[in-house]
Each structure stands twice: as C-alpha cells, then as structure tokens.
Amino acid sequence: MAGGPSTPELVAAVGEAGGLGHLAAGYKTVDDVRDQIERTRALSDRPFGVNVFVPSVMERSRDEADVAAYRRSLQPLAATLEVELPQPRWDDTDSYDAKIDLLEELVVDTVSFTFGCPGAEVVRRLRAVGSQVVVTVTDADEALAAVREGADALCVQGSQAGGHRGTHRVDSIPNDLSYVDLLREVRTVTTVPLIAAGGIASADDVRRAIGLGAAAVQVGTAFLLCPEAGTSAAHRAGLVEPALDRTVVTRAFSGRPARGLRNALVDAHDAHAPSVFPAVDQVTKPLRAAAAALEDFHQVSLWAGTRWQHVEEQPAADVVRALAP
C-alpha cells in the first residue's frame, strides 16, 4: 500500500501474527526504503517483502498537451489550497534501478512488482540472492508474460481491489473480473502459485480463494484503520464518512486507474484526467498534501476496495486472526 499506509510497524505486526507483510517502495527515495527495511528488521525477525513499481514509459511529445490541459483545470483548486502545481518530470522512473540494487544488497524474502514485469534479468538477480519474485497481473496475457520472465508466483488482482489496478499498460481499460473469475482464467495458462487479491474481507473469502486453488491471499483495505498503519487522518475520516457511500475507479489523482471512495475531486476531474502516469500523480501531489494537512477528505485519494465498509479500527494482529480460514 504505497502512499503512507504501509509502515514497518504494520509489516512487523502482520508478520508476528503469522502473515507476510510488505513494505511499499513506490513513491519513496532509496534511502527511505533502506530505512524502512532496517526498521522492520529491528521490530521483528519474521519474513517480509517489498513491493516495487515497474516504471511506466511516458512519451512527452504525445502526452504533454493532455497533462498541461489537466494541470490548467486543477488551477482553481490549487489557488484555493494555496499551492503551486509542478511541471511533470518526464524522465521519472521512481529510482527503479537503484531500488533493485538495494534489494539485491539487503535481500528481503519476497519482492513483488506492480504495473508490469520487471524483466528476466531483474528476476534472475533477485532470485540469485534468495528473494522470491511475485508479479501482479490482471489478466491471462499479463500472467503469461510474467511467467515467461521467471516469476515465482503471481498476485491475481481482481477488479474489487482498492488502490491502483495493476494493469501493465497505463492506458489499459481495466476489466471487471473478480478474483474468483481471474483465478480460473489465469489457472488455465500457468501452474505457478497464485495469490488472490481484491475484495477479500473475511475468513469465508479466504476459504473461497483457497478452495479455487489460490496458494495465498493478499489483503490491503482491511488494514487501513489499524493503529500500526500510516493511513492519513483524512483517509481514515473518509473511510468512516457515511456520505462517501461508493467506490469508483478513477484516473483523477495519478493518471492510472485506481479504486477509491468517490469524493469531490473525483466528481470534478475524473472525466478529463489523462492516462499519463506518473505525470498526473506529480501534478496532483501538492493538492493532495495540502488537503491532507487540512484533513479534508474531499480532495485526497481515498483508496479502498469495494468491501471497505467491513473495515474496523483494530490492531493488525486481530485483522490477521479474523482472516484465518
């Protein structure tokens, strides 16, 4: 869970309860990732992993005009929040290569990838030092590509998942397959272990996934209100706000499709948000930060899966125990 919720404290608590927690490397500097790995190891000796964003290719000549138009549409809100909107950094790779070097050095149990396949050479390097490699997929074609590159397992992300859809292309229109349908589809093309994700909120859901052949499940939304999570105050407030009564998939905050609670910014800007990541994310970052500082849940990304109403404020260990089949 990039953007704040995933913390060393949460990962350690999940591990101590018998789960496999993951730190989020996305949006962090290499030094921050190193610090979080070291802090997690100081808190627990249980296995854990790190999730990495595969860089998205942006074509400035193709995308610049669309991003500029979107930036202009956000200027009134920026003026209200008294922030400046930055120009996109077209060469931004989220320090991907340096993060792979770091993970080759520090060696965590699992390295998972979102937004694409890392490439056979990266898989080889990580496996050579003892890490297992997991790739998030949203359809059978992505699954085949990941298996060809040597992935040890696949995170099969259904449409009910909160946060970013793991589509390998930025401009892909996400399908509406549940993890149930997707498990069946992906199993027809590969025999590698599958991890079910998206809309899993109870022990019954876990039993169902395992019964369909999943080796494990991946859960995010259920942990957002845990005291160990780094979920912002605005995000926490939004999750329990009765007026926010549905989730939608939107590109308004980052340029990539992501599921979250429908709020004012989504209503105002989703229709004209371009499919350009991470440029849109860069442009909206000051808006989101200013709104979060004001604890204004109307203007921040409130990532959540479709089962968010099942989320309770409780320790992470209790969440893990409640999910045990």
C-alpha atoms as a PDB file:
ATOM      1  CA  MET A   1       0.000   0.000   0.000  1.00  0.00           C
ATOM      2  CA  ALA A   2       2.058   2.879  -1.320  1.00  0.00           C
ATOM      3  CA  GLY A   3       1.497   6.461  -0.251  1.00  0.00           C
ATOM      4  CA  GLY A   4       1.667   6.006   3.512  1.00  0.00           C
ATOM      5  CA  PRO A   5      -0.386   3.109   4.924  1.00  0.00           C
ATOM      6  CA  SER A   6       2.375   0.502   4.712  1.00  0.00           C
ATOM      7  CA  THR A   7       4.810   1.067   7.602  1.00  0.00           C
ATOM      8  CA  PRO A   8       7.486  -1.002   9.355  1.00  0.00           C
ATOM      9  CA  GLU A   9       5.163  -1.202  12.356  1.00  0.00           C
ATOM     10  CA  LEU A  10       2.335  -2.634  10.245  1.00  0.00           C
ATOM     11  CA  VAL A  11       4.593  -5.077   8.410  1.00  0.00           C
ATOM     12  CA  ALA A  12       6.137  -6.286  11.664  1.00  0.00           C
ATOM     13  CA  ALA A  13       2.747  -6.703  13.333  1.00  0.00           C
ATOM     14  CA  VAL A  14       1.401  -8.697  10.387  1.00  0.00           C
ATOM     15  CA  GLY A  15       4.485 -10.898  10.421  1.00  0.00           C
ATOM     16  CA  GLU A  16       4.281 -11.544  14.154  1.00  0.00           C
ATOM     17  CA  ALA A  17       0.647 -12.589  13.687  1.00  0.00           C
ATOM     18  CA  GLY A  18       1.579 -15.128  11.025  1.00  0.00           C
ATOM     19  CA  GLY A  19       1.128 -13.138   7.826  1.00  0.00           C
ATOM     20  CA  LEU A  20       3.659 -11.878   5.303  1.00  0.00           C
ATOM     21  CA  GLY A  21       3.745  -8.088   5.377  1.00  0.00           C
ATOM     22  CA  HIS A  22       5.065  -5.948   2.538  1.00  0.00           C
ATOM     23  CA  LEU A  23       6.687  -2.540   2.601  1.00  0.00           C
ATOM     24  CA  ALA A  24       5.847  -0.199  -0.266  1.00  0.00           C
ATOM     25  CA  ALA A  25       8.848   1.137  -2.179  1.00  0.00           C
ATOM     26  CA  GLY A  26       6.691   3.180  -4.544  1.00  0.00           C
ATOM     27  CA  TYR A  27       6.999   6.974  -4.194  1.00  0.00           C
ATOM     28  CA  LYS A  28       9.862   6.611  -1.690  1.00  0.00           C
ATOM     29  CA  THR A  29      13.519   7.519  -2.052  1.00  0.00           C
ATOM     30  CA  VAL A  30      16.092   4.745  -1.952  1.00  0.00           C
ATOM     31  CA  ASP A  31      17.259   5.972   1.452  1.00  0.00           C
ATOM     32  CA  ASP A  32      13.695   5.826   2.765  1.00  0.00           C
ATOM     33  CA  VAL A  33      13.305   2.246   1.535  1.00  0.00           C
ATOM     34  CA  ARG A  34      16.582   1.276   3.186  1.00  0.00           C
ATOM     35  CA  ASP A  35      15.488   2.895   6.439  1.00  0.00           C
ATOM     36  CA  GLN A  36      12.122   1.127   6.392  1.00  0.00           C
ATOM     37  CA  ILE A  37      13.713  -2.268   5.757  1.00  0.00           C
ATOM     38  CA  GLU A  38      16.139  -1.734   8.626  1.00  0.00           C
ATOM     39  CA  ARG A  39      13.362  -0.532  10.953  1.00  0.00           C
ATOM     40  CA  THR A  40      11.228  -3.559  10.109  1.00  0.00           C
ATOM     41  CA  ARG A  41      14.115  -5.887  10.924  1.00  0.00           C
ATOM     42  CA  ALA A  42      14.627  -4.102  14.227  1.00  0.00           C
ATOM     43  CA  LEU A  43      10.973  -4.715  15.116  1.00  0.00           C
ATOM     44  CA  SER A  44      10.665  -8.348  14.053  1.00  0.00           C
ATOM     45  CA  ASP A  45      12.648 -11.283  12.729  1.00  0.00           C
ATOM     46  CA  ARG A  46       9.677 -12.567  10.735  1.00  0.00           C
ATOM     47  CA  PRO A  47       9.807 -12.788   6.907  1.00  0.00           C
ATOM     48  CA  PHE A  48       8.536  -9.812   4.904  1.00  0.00           C
ATOM     49  CA  GLY A  49       8.661  -8.393   1.417  1.00  0.00           C
ATOM     50  CA  VAL A  50       8.940  -5.158  -0.540  1.00  0.00           C
ATOM     51  CA  ASN A  51       6.691  -4.022  -3.381  1.00  0.00           C
ATOM     52  CA  VAL A  52       8.207  -2.079  -6.289  1.00  0.00           C
ATOM     53  CA  PHE A  53       6.541  -0.076  -9.065  1.00  0.00           C
ATOM     54  CA  VAL A  54       7.746  -1.029 -12.546  1.00  0.00           C
ATOM     55  CA  PRO A  55       8.396   2.297 -14.342  1.00  0.00           C
ATOM     56  CA  SER A  56       5.778   3.484 -16.797  1.00  0.00           C
ATOM     57  CA  VAL A  57       7.027   4.904 -20.080  1.00  0.00           C
ATOM     58  CA  MET A  58       5.788   8.414 -20.778  1.00  0.00           C
ATOM     59  CA  GLU A  59       6.072   9.975 -24.229  1.00  0.00           C
ATOM     60  CA  ARG A  60       6.382  13.706 -23.774  1.00  0.00           C
ATOM     61  CA  SER A  61       5.608  14.506 -27.406  1.00  0.00           C
ATOM     62  CA  ARG A  62       2.370  12.543 -27.145  1.00  0.00           C
ATOM     63  CA  ASP A  63       1.282  13.305 -23.585  1.00  0.00           C
ATOM     64  CA  GLU A  64       2.452  16.842 -22.795  1.00  0.00           C
ATOM     65  CA  ALA A  65      -0.593  18.683 -24.133  1.00  0.00           C
ATOM     66  CA  ASP A  66      -3.057  16.452 -22.268  1.00  0.00           C
ATOM     67  CA  VAL A  67      -1.199  16.815 -18.979  1.00  0.00           C
ATOM     68  CA  ALA A  68      -0.914  20.583 -19.438  1.00  0.00           C
ATOM     69  CA  ALA A  69      -4.668  20.849 -20.017  1.00  0.00           C
ATOM     70  CA  TYR A  70      -5.362  18.792 -16.917  1.00  0.00           C
ATOM     71  CA  ARG A  71      -2.962  20.934 -14.910  1.00  0.00           C
ATOM     72  CA  ARG A  72      -4.851  24.052 -16.013  1.00  0.00           C
ATOM     73  CA  SER A  73      -8.156  22.509 -14.942  1.00  0.00           C
ATOM     74  CA  LEU A  74      -6.730  21.996 -11.438  1.00  0.00           C
ATOM     75  CA  GLN A  75      -5.507  25.585 -11.033  1.00  0.00           C
ATOM     76  CA  PRO A  76      -8.655  26.905  -9.276  1.00  0.00           C
ATOM     77  CA  LEU A  77      -8.355  24.202  -6.629  1.00  0.00           C
ATOM     78  CA  ALA A  78      -4.631  24.887  -6.321  1.00  0.00           C
ATOM     79  CA  ALA A  79      -5.389  28.559  -5.703  1.00  0.00           C
ATOM     80  CA  THR A  80      -7.928  27.661  -3.020  1.00  0.00           C
ATOM     81  CA  LEU A  81      -5.410  25.413  -1.277  1.00  0.00           C
ATOM     82  CA  GLU A  82      -2.618  27.960  -1.863  1.00  0.00           C
ATOM     83  CA  VAL A  83      -0.229  25.577  -3.596  1.00  0.00           C
ATOM     84  CA  GLU A  84       1.776  25.638  -6.815  1.00  0.00           C
ATOM     85  CA  LEU A  85       1.323  22.801  -9.269  1.00  0.00           C
ATOM     86  CA  PRO A  86       4.650  21.469 -10.579  1.00  0.00           C
ATOM     87  CA  GLN A  87       5.572  20.730 -14.154  1.00  0.00           C
ATOM     88  CA  PRO A  88       5.889  16.988 -14.849  1.00  0.00           C
ATOM     89  CA  ARG A  89       9.259  15.262 -14.673  1.00  0.00           C
ATOM     90  CA  TRP A  90       9.132  13.264 -17.863  1.00  0.00           C
ATOM     91  CA  ASP A  91      12.166  11.137 -17.046  1.00  0.00           C
ATOM     92  CA  ASP A  92      10.876   9.980 -13.632  1.00  0.00           C
ATOM     93  CA  THR A  93      11.499   6.246 -13.008  1.00  0.00           C
ATOM     94  CA  ASP A  94      10.881   6.289  -9.234  1.00  0.00           C
ATOM     95  CA  SER A  95      14.589   5.386  -8.800  1.00  0.00           C
ATOM     96  CA  TYR A  96      13.763   1.906 -10.060  1.00  0.00           C
ATOM     97  CA  ASP A  97      17.285   0.718 -10.888  1.00  0.00           C
ATOM     98  CA  ALA A  98      18.677   1.952  -7.569  1.00  0.00           C
ATOM     99  CA  LYS A  99      15.872   0.210  -5.692  1.00  0.00           C
ATOM    100  CA  ILE A 100      16.666  -3.082  -7.433  1.00  0.00           C
ATOM    101  CA  ASP A 101      20.322  -2.628  -6.452  1.00  0.00           C
ATOM    102  CA  LEU A 102      19.244  -2.004  -2.857  1.00  0.00           C
ATOM    103  CA  LEU A 103      17.059  -5.111  -2.755  1.00  0.00           C
ATOM    104  CA  GLU A 104      19.895  -7.148  -4.197  1.00  0.00           C
ATOM    105  CA  GLU A 105      22.031  -5.855  -1.320  1.00  0.00           C
ATOM    106  CA  LEU A 106      19.614  -6.101   1.611  1.00  0.00           C
ATOM    107  CA  VAL A 107      17.780  -9.268   0.442  1.00  0.00           C
ATOM    108  CA  VAL A 108      14.190  -9.498   1.627  1.00  0.00           C
ATOM    109  CA  ASP A 109      12.136 -12.677   1.451  1.00  0.00           C
ATOM    110  CA  THR A 110       9.807 -11.526  -1.315  1.00  0.00           C
ATOM    111  CA  VAL A 111       9.978  -8.768  -3.912  1.00  0.00           C
ATOM    112  CA  SER A 112       6.678  -8.056  -5.630  1.00  0.00           C
ATOM    113  CA  PHE A 113       6.157  -5.887  -8.689  1.00  0.00           C
ATOM    114  CA  THR A 114       3.188  -3.781  -9.735  1.00  0.00           C
ATOM    115  CA  PHE A 115       2.442  -2.079 -13.096  1.00  0.00           C
ATOM    116  CA  GLY A 116       4.354  -4.560 -15.224  1.00  0.00           C
ATOM    117  CA  CYS A 117       7.009  -7.234 -15.479  1.00  0.00           C
ATOM    118  CA  PRO A 118      10.465  -6.401 -14.130  1.00  0.00           C
ATOM    119  CA  GLY A 119      12.366  -8.203 -16.886  1.00  0.00           C
ATOM    120  CA  ALA A 120      14.086 -11.579 -16.843  1.00  0.00           C
ATOM    121  CA  GLU A 121      17.441 -10.131 -15.764  1.00  0.00           C
ATOM    122  CA  VAL A 122      15.977  -8.400 -12.701  1.00  0.00           C
ATOM    123  CA  VAL A 123      14.143 -11.604 -11.785  1.00  0.00           C
ATOM    124  CA  ARG A 124      17.386 -13.556 -12.152  1.00  0.00           C
ATOM    125  CA  ARG A 125      19.309 -11.123  -9.940  1.00  0.00           C
ATOM    126  CA  LEU A 126      16.743 -11.172  -7.162  1.00  0.00           C
ATOM    127  CA  ARG A 127      16.317 -14.925  -7.222  1.00  0.00           C
ATOM    128  CA  ALA A 128      20.097 -15.351  -7.175  1.00  0.00           C
ATOM    129  CA  VAL A 129      20.305 -13.645  -3.768  1.00  0.00           C
ATOM    130  CA  GLY A 130      17.413 -15.650  -2.362  1.00  0.00           C
ATOM    131  CA  SER A 131      14.318 -13.486  -2.885  1.00  0.00           C
ATOM    132  CA  GLN A 132      11.122 -14.857  -4.355  1.00  0.00           C
ATOM    133  CA  VAL A 133       9.627 -12.730  -7.120  1.00  0.00           C
ATOM    134  CA  VAL A 134       5.897 -12.024  -7.379  1.00  0.00           C
ATOM    135  CA  VAL A 135       4.262 -10.078 -10.222  1.00  0.00           C
ATOM    136  CA  THR A 136       0.787  -8.521 -10.037  1.00  0.00           C
ATOM    137  CA  VAL A 137      -1.412  -9.432 -13.008  1.00  0.00           C
ATOM    138  CA  THR A 138      -4.945  -8.566 -14.060  1.00  0.00           C
ATOM    139  CA  ASP A 139      -5.483 -10.966 -16.964  1.00  0.00           C
ATOM    140  CA  ALA A 140      -4.133 -14.121 -18.578  1.00  0.00           C
ATOM    141  CA  ASP A 141      -1.872 -12.293 -21.046  1.00  0.00           C
ATOM    142  CA  GLU A 142      -0.095 -10.434 -18.246  1.00  0.00           C
ATOM    143  CA  ALA A 143       0.211 -13.717 -16.358  1.00  0.00           C
ATOM    144  CA  LEU A 144       1.897 -15.410 -19.308  1.00  0.00           C
ATOM    145  CA  ALA A 145       4.343 -12.518 -19.699  1.00  0.00           C
ATOM    146  CA  ALA A 146       5.295 -12.683 -16.016  1.00  0.00           C
ATOM    147  CA  VAL A 147       5.780 -16.444 -16.077  1.00  0.00           C
ATOM    148  CA  ARG A 148       7.990 -16.190 -19.164  1.00  0.00           C
ATOM    149  CA  GLU A 149      10.265 -13.829 -17.229  1.00  0.00           C
ATOM    150  CA  GLY A 150      10.581 -16.322 -14.377  1.00  0.00           C
ATOM    151  CA  ALA A 151       8.159 -15.060 -11.720  1.00  0.00           C
ATOM    152  CA  ASP A 152       7.874 -17.448  -8.780  1.00  0.00           C
ATOM    153  CA  ALA A 153       4.234 -16.526  -8.134  1.00  0.00           C
ATOM    154  CA  LEU A 154       1.515 -14.219  -9.422  1.00  0.00           C
ATOM    155  CA  CYS A 155      -0.689 -11.844  -7.474  1.00  0.00           C
ATOM    156  CA  VAL A 156      -4.005 -12.173  -9.290  1.00  0.00           C
ATOM    157  CA  GLN A 157      -5.714  -8.824  -8.695  1.00  0.00           C
ATOM    158  CA  GLY A 158      -9.471  -8.744  -9.154  1.00  0.00           C
ATOM    159  CA  SER A 159     -11.463  -5.644 -10.010  1.00  0.00           C
ATOM    160  CA  GLN A 160     -12.732  -5.139  -6.446  1.00  0.00           C
ATOM    161  CA  ALA A 161      -9.245  -4.283  -5.179  1.00  0.00           C
ATOM    162  CA  GLY A 162      -8.607  -0.898  -3.619  1.00  0.00           C
ATOM    163  CA  GLY A 163      -5.905   1.406  -4.902  1.00  0.00           C
ATOM    164  CA  HIS A 164      -4.203   1.141  -8.259  1.00  0.00           C
ATOM    165  CA  ARG A 165      -5.156  -1.582 -10.652  1.00  0.00           C
ATOM    166  CA  GLY A 166      -2.036  -3.489 -11.589  1.00  0.00           C
ATOM    167  CA  THR A 167      -2.555  -3.257 -15.354  1.00  0.00           C
ATOM    168  CA  HIS A 168       0.736  -3.495 -17.216  1.00  0.00           C
ATOM    169  CA  ARG A 169      -0.190  -0.671 -19.597  1.00  0.00           C
ATOM    170  CA  VAL A 170      -1.100   2.773 -18.276  1.00  0.00           C
ATOM    171  CA  ASP A 171      -3.782   3.284 -20.906  1.00  0.00           C
ATOM    172  CA  SER A 172      -5.414  -0.129 -20.499  1.00  0.00           C
ATOM    173  CA  ILE A 173      -9.088  -0.093 -19.574  1.00  0.00           C
ATOM    174  CA  PRO A 174      -9.271  -2.418 -16.565  1.00  0.00           C
ATOM    175  CA  ASN A 175     -11.517  -5.447 -16.843  1.00  0.00           C
ATOM    176  CA  ASP A 176     -14.243  -6.105 -14.284  1.00  0.00           C
ATOM    177  CA  LEU A 177     -13.222  -9.671 -13.416  1.00  0.00           C
ATOM    178  CA  SER A 178     -13.417 -10.636  -9.753  1.00  0.00           C
ATOM    179  CA  TYR A 179     -10.574 -12.575  -8.167  1.00  0.00           C
ATOM    180  CA  VAL A 180     -12.811 -15.653  -8.485  1.00  0.00           C
ATOM    181  CA  ASP A 181     -13.080 -15.310 -12.273  1.00  0.00           C
ATOM    182  CA  LEU A 182      -9.472 -14.263 -12.628  1.00  0.00           C
ATOM    183  CA  LEU A 183      -8.145 -17.232 -10.659  1.00  0.00           C
ATOM    184  CA  ARG A 184      -9.979 -19.543 -13.031  1.00  0.00           C
ATOM    185  CA  GLU A 185      -8.757 -17.684 -16.112  1.00  0.00           C
ATOM    186  CA  VAL A 186      -5.109 -17.475 -15.069  1.00  0.00           C
ATOM    187  CA  ARG A 187      -5.001 -21.073 -13.886  1.00  0.00           C
ATOM    188  CA  THR A 188      -5.722 -22.184 -17.462  1.00  0.00           C
ATOM    189  CA  VAL A 189      -2.409 -20.711 -18.665  1.00  0.00           C
ATOM    190  CA  THR A 190       0.053 -21.422 -15.828  1.00  0.00           C
ATOM    191  CA  THR A 191       0.774 -23.714 -12.909  1.00  0.00           C
ATOM    192  CA  VAL A 192       2.770 -21.247 -10.766  1.00  0.00           C
ATOM    193  CA  PRO A 193       1.319 -20.373  -7.336  1.00  0.00           C
ATOM    194  CA  LEU A 194      -1.441 -17.766  -7.449  1.00  0.00           C
ATOM    195  CA  ILE A 195      -2.176 -15.154  -4.768  1.00  0.00           C
ATOM    196  CA  ALA A 196      -5.770 -13.914  -4.812  1.00  0.00           C
ATOM    197  CA  ALA A 197      -6.385 -10.196  -4.262  1.00  0.00           C
ATOM    198  CA  GLY A 198      -9.296  -7.785  -4.468  1.00  0.00           C
ATOM    199  CA  GLY A 199     -12.368  -7.718  -2.259  1.00  0.00           C
ATOM    200  CA  ILE A 200     -11.154 -10.201   0.339  1.00  0.00           C
ATOM    201  CA  ALA A 201     -12.560  -9.115   3.699  1.00  0.00           C
ATOM    202  CA  SER A 202     -13.396 -12.230   5.714  1.00  0.00           C
ATOM    203  CA  ALA A 203     -12.332 -15.760   6.560  1.00  0.00           C
ATOM    204  CA  ASP A 204     -15.073 -17.002   4.232  1.00  0.00           C
ATOM    205  CA  ASP A 205     -13.465 -15.061   1.374  1.00  0.00           C
ATOM    206  CA  VAL A 206     -10.106 -16.618   2.190  1.00  0.00           C
ATOM    207  CA  ARG A 207     -11.589 -20.110   2.264  1.00  0.00           C
ATOM    208  CA  ARG A 208     -13.238 -19.473  -1.080  1.00  0.00           C
ATOM    209  CA  ALA A 209      -9.981 -18.312  -2.660  1.00  0.00           C
ATOM    210  CA  ILE A 210      -8.049 -21.283  -1.315  1.00  0.00           C
ATOM    211  CA  GLY A 211     -10.812 -23.590  -2.496  1.00  0.00           C
ATOM    212  CA  LEU A 212     -10.387 -22.174  -6.005  1.00  0.00           C
ATOM    213  CA  GLY A 213      -6.696 -23.018  -5.961  1.00  0.00           C
ATOM    214  CA  ALA A 214      -5.075 -19.879  -4.573  1.00  0.00           C
ATOM    215  CA  ALA A 215      -1.902 -20.548  -2.613  1.00  0.00           C
ATOM    216  CA  ALA A 216      -2.467 -17.407  -0.525  1.00  0.00           C
ATOM    217  CA  VAL A 217      -4.445 -14.170  -0.419  1.00  0.00           C
ATOM    218  CA  GLN A 218      -3.328 -10.540  -0.435  1.00  0.00           C
ATOM    219  CA  VAL A 219      -5.255  -8.015   1.640  1.00  0.00           C
ATOM    220  CA  GLY A 220      -4.860  -4.240   1.867  1.00  0.00           C
ATOM    221  CA  THR A 221      -8.043  -2.325   2.660  1.00  0.00           C
ATOM    222  CA  ALA A 222      -8.699  -4.370   5.811  1.00  0.00           C
ATOM    223  CA  PHE A 223      -5.580  -2.875   7.419  1.00  0.00           C
ATOM    224  CA  LEU A 224      -6.214   0.815   6.661  1.00  0.00           C
ATOM    225  CA  LEU A 225      -7.683   1.661  10.074  1.00  0.00           C
ATOM    226  CA  CYS A 226      -5.130  -0.303  12.084  1.00  0.00           C
ATOM    227  CA  PRO A 227      -3.153   1.813  14.570  1.00  0.00           C
ATOM    228  CA  GLU A 228       0.080   0.476  13.043  1.00  0.00           C
ATOM    229  CA  ALA A 229      -0.862   1.738   9.559  1.00  0.00           C
ATOM    230  CA  GLY A 230       0.362   5.080   8.267  1.00  0.00           C
ATOM    231  CA  THR A 231      -3.061   5.938   6.829  1.00  0.00           C
ATOM    232  CA  SER A 232      -3.567   9.709   6.961  1.00  0.00           C
ATOM    233  CA  ALA A 233      -6.185  11.320   9.186  1.00  0.00           C
ATOM    234  CA  ALA A 234      -8.095  12.476   6.099  1.00  0.00           C
ATOM    235  CA  HIS A 235      -8.107   8.968   4.656  1.00  0.00           C
ATOM    236  CA  ARG A 236      -9.250   7.479   7.971  1.00  0.00           C
ATOM    237  CA  ALA A 237     -12.052  10.034   8.223  1.00  0.00           C
ATOM    238  CA  GLY A 238     -13.160   9.356   4.668  1.00  0.00           C
ATOM    239  CA  LEU A 239     -13.393   5.621   5.273  1.00  0.00           C
ATOM    240  CA  VAL A 240     -15.984   6.131   8.009  1.00  0.00           C
ATOM    241  CA  GLU A 241     -17.850   9.070   6.442  1.00  0.00           C
ATOM    242  CA  PRO A 242     -21.453   7.970   5.676  1.00  0.00           C
ATOM    243  CA  ALA A 243     -21.778  10.434   2.791  1.00  0.00           C
ATOM    244  CA  LEU A 244     -18.979   8.669   0.907  1.00  0.00           C
ATOM    245  CA  ASP A 245     -21.031   5.633   0.019  1.00  0.00           C
ATOM    246  CA  ARG A 246     -19.401   4.104  -3.052  1.00  0.00           C
ATOM    247  CA  THR A 247     -16.064   3.333  -4.644  1.00  0.00           C
ATOM    248  CA  VAL A 248     -15.146   4.134  -8.227  1.00  0.00           C
ATOM    249  CA  VAL A 249     -12.174   3.534 -10.480  1.00  0.00           C
ATOM    250  CA  THR A 250     -10.590   6.868 -11.364  1.00  0.00           C
ATOM    251  CA  ARG A 251      -7.502   8.336 -13.032  1.00  0.00           C
ATOM    252  CA  ALA A 252      -8.056  11.751 -11.444  1.00  0.00           C
ATOM    253  CA  PHE A 253      -5.262  11.513  -8.878  1.00  0.00           C
ATOM    254  CA  SER A 254      -2.457   9.678 -10.665  1.00  0.00           C
ATOM    255  CA  GLY A 255      -3.287   9.074 -14.307  1.00  0.00           C
ATOM    256  CA  ARG A 256      -3.557   5.340 -13.659  1.00  0.00           C
ATOM    257  CA  PRO A 257      -6.853   3.606 -12.900  1.00  0.00           C
ATOM    258  CA  ALA A 258      -7.292   3.208  -9.146  1.00  0.00           C
ATOM    259  CA  ARG A 259     -10.250   2.337  -6.953  1.00  0.00           C
ATOM    260  CA  GLY A 260     -11.191   4.660  -4.130  1.00  0.00           C
ATOM    261  CA  LEU A 261     -14.106   6.375  -2.469  1.00  0.00           C
ATOM    262  CA  ARG A 262     -15.905   8.822  -4.723  1.00  0.00           C
ATOM    263  CA  ASN A 263     -15.340  12.355  -3.445  1.00  0.00           C
ATOM    264  CA  ALA A 264     -15.433  15.935  -4.702  1.00  0.00           C
ATOM    265  CA  LEU A 265     -12.157  15.831  -6.621  1.00  0.00           C
ATOM    266  CA  VAL A 266     -13.202  12.659  -8.409  1.00  0.00           C
ATOM    267  CA  ASP A 267     -16.545  14.188  -9.372  1.00  0.00           C
ATOM    268  CA  ALA A 268     -14.904  17.354 -10.665  1.00  0.00           C
ATOM    269  CA  HIS A 269     -11.946  15.917 -12.565  1.00  0.00           C
ATOM    270  CA  ASP A 270     -12.269  12.226 -13.363  1.00  0.00           C
ATOM    271  CA  ALA A 271     -13.907  12.738 -16.746  1.00  0.00           C
ATOM    272  CA  HIS A 272     -10.949  14.640 -18.205  1.00  0.00           C
ATOM    273  CA  ALA A 273      -7.991  13.058 -16.395  1.00  0.00           C
ATOM    274  CA  PRO A 274      -5.437  11.805 -18.936  1.00  0.00           C
ATOM    275  CA  SER A 275      -3.914   8.323 -18.879  1.00  0.00           C
ATOM    276  CA  VAL A 276      -0.403   9.532 -18.094  1.00  0.00           C
ATOM    277  CA  PHE A 277       1.431   8.129 -15.082  1.00  0.00           C
ATOM    278  CA  PRO A 278       3.341   9.318 -13.125  1.00  0.00           C
ATOM    279  CA  ALA A 279       2.947  12.813 -14.605  1.00  0.00           C
ATOM    280  CA  VAL A 280      -0.604  13.269 -13.302  1.00  0.00           C
ATOM    281  CA  ASP A 281       0.471  11.965  -9.902  1.00  0.00           C
ATOM    282  CA  GLN A 282       3.273  14.545  -9.821  1.00  0.00           C
ATOM    283  CA  VAL A 283       0.909  17.379 -10.725  1.00  0.00           C
ATOM    284  CA  THR A 284      -1.711  16.488  -8.105  1.00  0.00           C
ATOM    285  CA  LYS A 285       0.737  15.733  -5.291  1.00  0.00           C
ATOM    286  CA  PRO A 286       0.734  19.273  -3.777  1.00  0.00           C
ATOM    287  CA  LEU A 287      -3.075  19.342  -3.852  1.00  0.00           C
ATOM    288  CA  ARG A 288      -3.310  16.036  -2.038  1.00  0.00           C
ATOM    289  CA  ALA A 289      -0.693  17.035   0.518  1.00  0.00           C
ATOM    290  CA  ALA A 290      -2.384  20.362   1.283  1.00  0.00           C
ATOM    291  CA  ALA A 291      -5.812  18.758   1.603  1.00  0.00           C
ATOM    292  CA  ALA A 292      -4.420  16.007   3.825  1.00  0.00           C
ATOM    293  CA  ALA A 293      -2.838  18.616   6.092  1.00  0.00           C
ATOM    294  CA  LEU A 294      -6.294  20.163   6.458  1.00  0.00           C
ATOM    295  CA  GLU A 295      -7.807  16.684   6.998  1.00  0.00           C
ATOM    296  CA  ASP A 296     -10.056  17.401   4.017  1.00  0.00           C
ATOM    297  CA  PHE A 297     -11.176  14.054   2.632  1.00  0.00           C
ATOM    298  CA  HIS A 298     -12.948  15.700  -0.299  1.00  0.00           C
ATOM    299  CA  GLN A 299      -9.692  16.420  -2.171  1.00  0.00           C
ATOM    300  CA  VAL A 300      -7.432  13.435  -1.382  1.00  0.00           C
ATOM    301  CA  SER A 301      -7.193   9.949  -2.831  1.00  0.00           C
ATOM    302  CA  LEU A 302      -9.210   7.659  -0.566  1.00  0.00           C
ATOM    303  CA  TRP A 303      -8.042   4.312  -1.899  1.00  0.00           C
ATOM    304  CA  ALA A 304     -10.305   1.484  -0.783  1.00  0.00           C
ATOM    305  CA  GLY A 305     -11.685  -1.780  -2.109  1.00  0.00           C
ATOM    306  CA  THR A 306     -15.363  -2.470  -2.635  1.00  0.00           C
ATOM    307  CA  ARG A 307     -15.631  -4.152   0.776  1.00  0.00           C
ATOM    308  CA  TRP A 308     -14.346  -1.107   2.674  1.00  0.00           C
ATOM    309  CA  GLN A 309     -17.418  -0.983   4.895  1.00  0.00           C
ATOM    310  CA  HIS A 310     -16.172  -4.144   6.620  1.00  0.00           C
ATOM    311  CA  VAL A 311     -13.041  -2.341   7.853  1.00  0.00           C
ATOM    312  CA  GLU A 312     -12.731  -1.858  11.607  1.00  0.00           C
ATOM    313  CA  GLU A 313     -10.311   0.093  13.757  1.00  0.00           C
ATOM    314  CA  GLN A 314      -8.346  -2.704  15.419  1.00  0.00           C
ATOM    315  CA  PRO A 315      -4.765  -3.962  15.773  1.00  0.00           C
ATOM    316  CA  ALA A 316      -3.230  -5.609  12.717  1.00  0.00           C
ATOM    317  CA  ALA A 317      -2.854  -8.898  14.575  1.00  0.00           C
ATOM    318  CA  ASP A 318      -6.624  -9.015  15.082  1.00  0.00           C
ATOM    319  CA  VAL A 319      -7.194  -8.452  11.360  1.00  0.00           C
ATOM    320  CA  VAL A 320      -4.870 -11.344  10.507  1.00  0.00           C
ATOM    321  CA  ARG A 321      -6.572 -13.628  13.012  1.00  0.00           C
ATOM    322  CA  ALA A 322     -10.038 -12.704  11.719  1.00  0.00           C
ATOM    323  CA  LEU A 323      -8.989 -13.643   8.181  1.00  0.00           C
ATOM    324  CA  ALA A 324      -7.596 -17.045   9.155  1.00  0.00           C
ATOM    325  CA  PRO A 325      -9.670 -19.748   7.410  1.00  0.00           C
END
